[in-house]
Amino acid sequence: MDMNAGNAALNPRDVRILAVEDSPTQSELLRHALGQYDYKVLIVNNCKKALEAIPSYNPKIVLSDIVTPLMTGYELCRQIKSDKDMAGIYVILITSLVNPDDVIKCLESGADSFVAKPY
């Protein structure tokens, strides 16, 4: 999915990002990194809260750590991509895992991309 398709002048203030990160330190790093570009960012500490927030927050992008309490980022991605109302959300999984199989799992879960920690 090309985030700029049809949006030649996409304004970061129009892009809502929902981030899932259970580490307070990593949450603040994400908030700072994205905030300096004026993105609207909501950070929750687990994937279940992310699923609850999606209908009202209406994010264009979900960034999710893979290893989170209650549900993995893989499971969150599969649920988003299998729901017709959420399938258009761009999902990026964040991992500190270094096994190449983890990259394959990201793609198999339907993720649009992945980012390795540290960012």
C-alpha atoms as a PDB file:
ATOM      1  CA  MET A   1       0.000   0.000   0.000  1.00  0.00           C
ATOM      2  CA  ASP A   2       1.486   3.307  -1.048  1.00  0.00           C
ATOM      3  CA  MET A   3       0.745   5.776   1.746  1.00  0.00           C
ATOM      4  CA  ASN A   4       1.136   8.679  -0.693  1.00  0.00           C
ATOM      5  CA  ALA A   5      -0.998   7.275  -3.528  1.00  0.00           C
ATOM      6  CA  GLY A   6      -3.459  10.008  -4.405  1.00  0.00           C
ATOM      7  CA  ASN A   7      -2.064  12.221  -1.638  1.00  0.00           C
ATOM      8  CA  ALA A   8       0.703  14.226  -3.309  1.00  0.00           C
ATOM      9  CA  ALA A   9       0.868  16.599  -0.340  1.00  0.00           C
ATOM     10  CA  LEU A  10       0.069  14.320   2.582  1.00  0.00           C
ATOM     11  CA  ASN A  11       0.188  16.410   5.734  1.00  0.00           C
ATOM     12  CA  PRO A  12       1.571  14.598   8.815  1.00  0.00           C
ATOM     13  CA  ARG A  13      -1.077  16.356  10.926  1.00  0.00           C
ATOM     14  CA  ASP A  14      -3.681  14.367   8.992  1.00  0.00           C
ATOM     15  CA  VAL A  15      -2.005  11.025   9.728  1.00  0.00           C
ATOM     16  CA  ARG A  16      -3.112   9.340  12.921  1.00  0.00           C
ATOM     17  CA  ILE A  17      -0.732   6.697  14.203  1.00  0.00           C
ATOM     18  CA  LEU A  18      -1.695   4.135  16.818  1.00  0.00           C
ATOM     19  CA  ALA A  19       1.362   2.613  18.458  1.00  0.00           C
ATOM     20  CA  VAL A  20       1.466  -0.461  20.679  1.00  0.00           C
ATOM     21  CA  GLU A  21       4.429  -0.514  23.031  1.00  0.00           C
ATOM     22  CA  ASP A  22       4.492  -1.886  26.572  1.00  0.00           C
ATOM     23  CA  SER A  23       7.855  -0.380  27.532  1.00  0.00           C
ATOM     24  CA  PRO A  24       7.490   3.170  28.916  1.00  0.00           C
ATOM     25  CA  THR A  25      10.976   4.047  27.638  1.00  0.00           C
ATOM     26  CA  GLN A  26      10.260   2.786  24.108  1.00  0.00           C
ATOM     27  CA  SER A  27       6.864   4.523  24.192  1.00  0.00           C
ATOM     28  CA  GLU A  28       8.510   7.860  24.864  1.00  0.00           C
ATOM     29  CA  LEU A  29      11.098   7.264  22.138  1.00  0.00           C
ATOM     30  CA  LEU A  30       8.279   6.587  19.660  1.00  0.00           C
ATOM     31  CA  ARG A  31       6.273   9.596  20.843  1.00  0.00           C
ATOM     32  CA  HIS A  32       9.307  11.854  20.457  1.00  0.00           C
ATOM     33  CA  ALA A  33      10.418  10.432  17.087  1.00  0.00           C
ATOM     34  CA  LEU A  34       6.963  10.722  15.531  1.00  0.00           C
ATOM     35  CA  GLY A  35       5.964  13.914  17.324  1.00  0.00           C
ATOM     36  CA  GLN A  36       8.829  15.899  15.860  1.00  0.00           C
ATOM     37  CA  TYR A  37       7.169  15.409  12.457  1.00  0.00           C
ATOM     38  CA  ASP A  38       3.758  16.516  13.775  1.00  0.00           C
ATOM     39  CA  TYR A  39       2.102  13.101  13.512  1.00  0.00           C
ATOM     40  CA  LYS A  40      -0.869  12.533  15.802  1.00  0.00           C
ATOM     41  CA  VAL A  41       0.173   9.592  17.968  1.00  0.00           C
ATOM     42  CA  LEU A  42      -1.791   7.507  20.435  1.00  0.00           C
ATOM     43  CA  ILE A  43       0.240   4.935  22.345  1.00  0.00           C
ATOM     44  CA  VAL A  44      -1.335   1.994  24.137  1.00  0.00           C
ATOM     45  CA  ASN A  45       0.462  -0.702  26.103  1.00  0.00           C
ATOM     46  CA  ASN A  46      -1.140  -3.826  24.624  1.00  0.00           C
ATOM     47  CA  CYS A  47      -2.764  -5.094  21.446  1.00  0.00           C
ATOM     48  CA  LYS A  48      -6.222  -5.584  22.973  1.00  0.00           C
ATOM     49  CA  LYS A  49      -6.327  -1.863  23.836  1.00  0.00           C
ATOM     50  CA  ALA A  50      -5.254  -1.133  20.268  1.00  0.00           C
ATOM     51  CA  LEU A  51      -8.197  -3.099  18.858  1.00  0.00           C
ATOM     52  CA  GLU A  52     -10.534  -1.218  21.199  1.00  0.00           C
ATOM     53  CA  ALA A  53      -9.072   2.157  20.150  1.00  0.00           C
ATOM     54  CA  ILE A  54      -9.132   1.662  16.382  1.00  0.00           C
ATOM     55  CA  PRO A  55     -12.847   2.418  15.749  1.00  0.00           C
ATOM     56  CA  SER A  56     -12.809   5.771  17.549  1.00  0.00           C
ATOM     57  CA  TYR A  57      -9.212   6.860  16.832  1.00  0.00           C
ATOM     58  CA  ASN A  58      -9.340   5.837  13.151  1.00  0.00           C
ATOM     59  CA  PRO A  59      -5.586   5.494  12.545  1.00  0.00           C
ATOM     60  CA  LYS A  60      -4.008   5.343   9.093  1.00  0.00           C
ATOM     61  CA  ILE A  61      -1.042   3.452  10.556  1.00  0.00           C
ATOM     62  CA  VAL A  62      -0.661   0.949  13.384  1.00  0.00           C
ATOM     63  CA  LEU A  63       2.860   0.419  14.713  1.00  0.00           C
ATOM     64  CA  SER A  64       3.007  -2.581  16.997  1.00  0.00           C
ATOM     65  CA  ASP A  65       5.720  -4.237  18.967  1.00  0.00           C
ATOM     66  CA  ILE A  66       5.596  -7.963  18.304  1.00  0.00           C
ATOM     67  CA  VAL A  67       6.001  -9.047  21.919  1.00  0.00           C
ATOM     68  CA  THR A  68       3.294  -7.426  24.052  1.00  0.00           C
ATOM     69  CA  PRO A  69       1.092  -8.590  26.923  1.00  0.00           C
ATOM     70  CA  LEU A  70      -2.183 -10.409  26.188  1.00  0.00           C
ATOM     71  CA  MET A  71      -1.689 -10.686  22.416  1.00  0.00           C
ATOM     72  CA  THR A  72       1.239 -10.597  20.007  1.00  0.00           C
ATOM     73  CA  GLY A  73       1.697  -8.041  17.272  1.00  0.00           C
ATOM     74  CA  TYR A  74       1.293 -10.897  14.783  1.00  0.00           C
ATOM     75  CA  GLU A  75      -2.177 -11.646  16.166  1.00  0.00           C
ATOM     76  CA  LEU A  76      -3.112  -7.964  16.142  1.00  0.00           C
ATOM     77  CA  CYS A  77      -2.029  -7.662  12.520  1.00  0.00           C
ATOM     78  CA  ARG A  78      -4.023 -10.743  11.477  1.00  0.00           C
ATOM     79  CA  GLN A  79      -7.144  -9.373  13.178  1.00  0.00           C
ATOM     80  CA  ILE A  80      -6.766  -5.963  11.545  1.00  0.00           C
ATOM     81  CA  LYS A  81      -6.150  -7.383   8.084  1.00  0.00           C
ATOM     82  CA  SER A  82      -9.031  -9.890   8.320  1.00  0.00           C
ATOM     83  CA  ASP A  83     -11.628  -7.259   9.293  1.00  0.00           C
ATOM     84  CA  LYS A  84     -13.175  -5.467   6.302  1.00  0.00           C
ATOM     85  CA  ASP A  85     -13.502  -2.215   8.267  1.00  0.00           C
ATOM     86  CA  MET A  86      -9.836  -2.200   9.326  1.00  0.00           C
ATOM     87  CA  ALA A  87      -8.086  -3.973   6.447  1.00  0.00           C
ATOM     88  CA  GLY A  88      -6.945  -0.690   4.873  1.00  0.00           C
ATOM     89  CA  ILE A  89      -4.888   0.292   7.904  1.00  0.00           C
ATOM     90  CA  TYR A  90      -1.164   0.186   7.182  1.00  0.00           C
ATOM     91  CA  VAL A  91       0.439  -2.140   9.785  1.00  0.00           C
ATOM     92  CA  ILE A  92       4.112  -1.959  10.691  1.00  0.00           C
ATOM     93  CA  LEU A  93       5.457  -4.482  13.192  1.00  0.00           C
ATOM     94  CA  ILE A  94       8.351  -3.500  15.446  1.00  0.00           C
ATOM     95  CA  THR A  95      10.790  -6.154  16.556  1.00  0.00           C
ATOM     96  CA  SER A  96      13.993  -6.574  18.483  1.00  0.00           C
ATOM     97  CA  LEU A  97      14.006 -10.212  17.394  1.00  0.00           C
ATOM     98  CA  VAL A  98      16.898 -11.090  15.120  1.00  0.00           C
ATOM     99  CA  ASN A  99      15.848 -14.456  13.709  1.00  0.00           C
ATOM    100  CA  PRO A 100      15.066 -14.274   9.953  1.00  0.00           C
ATOM    101  CA  ASP A 101      12.000 -16.438  10.642  1.00  0.00           C
ATOM    102  CA  ASP A 102      10.542 -13.472  12.530  1.00  0.00           C
ATOM    103  CA  VAL A 103      10.597 -11.393   9.347  1.00  0.00           C
ATOM    104  CA  ILE A 104       8.753 -14.185   7.565  1.00  0.00           C
ATOM    105  CA  LYS A 105       6.178 -14.301  10.397  1.00  0.00           C
ATOM    106  CA  CYS A 106       5.678 -10.525  10.023  1.00  0.00           C
ATOM    107  CA  LEU A 107       4.888 -10.897   6.361  1.00  0.00           C
ATOM    108  CA  GLU A 108       2.741 -14.000   6.876  1.00  0.00           C
ATOM    109  CA  SER A 109       0.640 -12.153   9.438  1.00  0.00           C
ATOM    110  CA  GLY A 110      -0.198  -9.567   6.770  1.00  0.00           C
ATOM    111  CA  ALA A 111       2.083  -6.769   7.960  1.00  0.00           C
ATOM    112  CA  ASP A 112       2.812  -4.109   5.381  1.00  0.00           C
ATOM    113  CA  SER A 113       6.313  -3.611   6.754  1.00  0.00           C
ATOM    114  CA  PHE A 114       8.504  -4.065   9.804  1.00  0.00           C
ATOM    115  CA  VAL A 115      11.060  -2.009  11.726  1.00  0.00           C
ATOM    116  CA  ALA A 116      13.895  -3.398  13.807  1.00  0.00           C
ATOM    117  CA  LYS A 117      14.761  -1.963  17.223  1.00  0.00           C
ATOM    118  CA  PRO A 118      16.547   0.222  17.955  1.00  0.00           C
ATOM    119  CA  TYR A 119      14.791   2.606  15.584  1.00  0.00           C
END
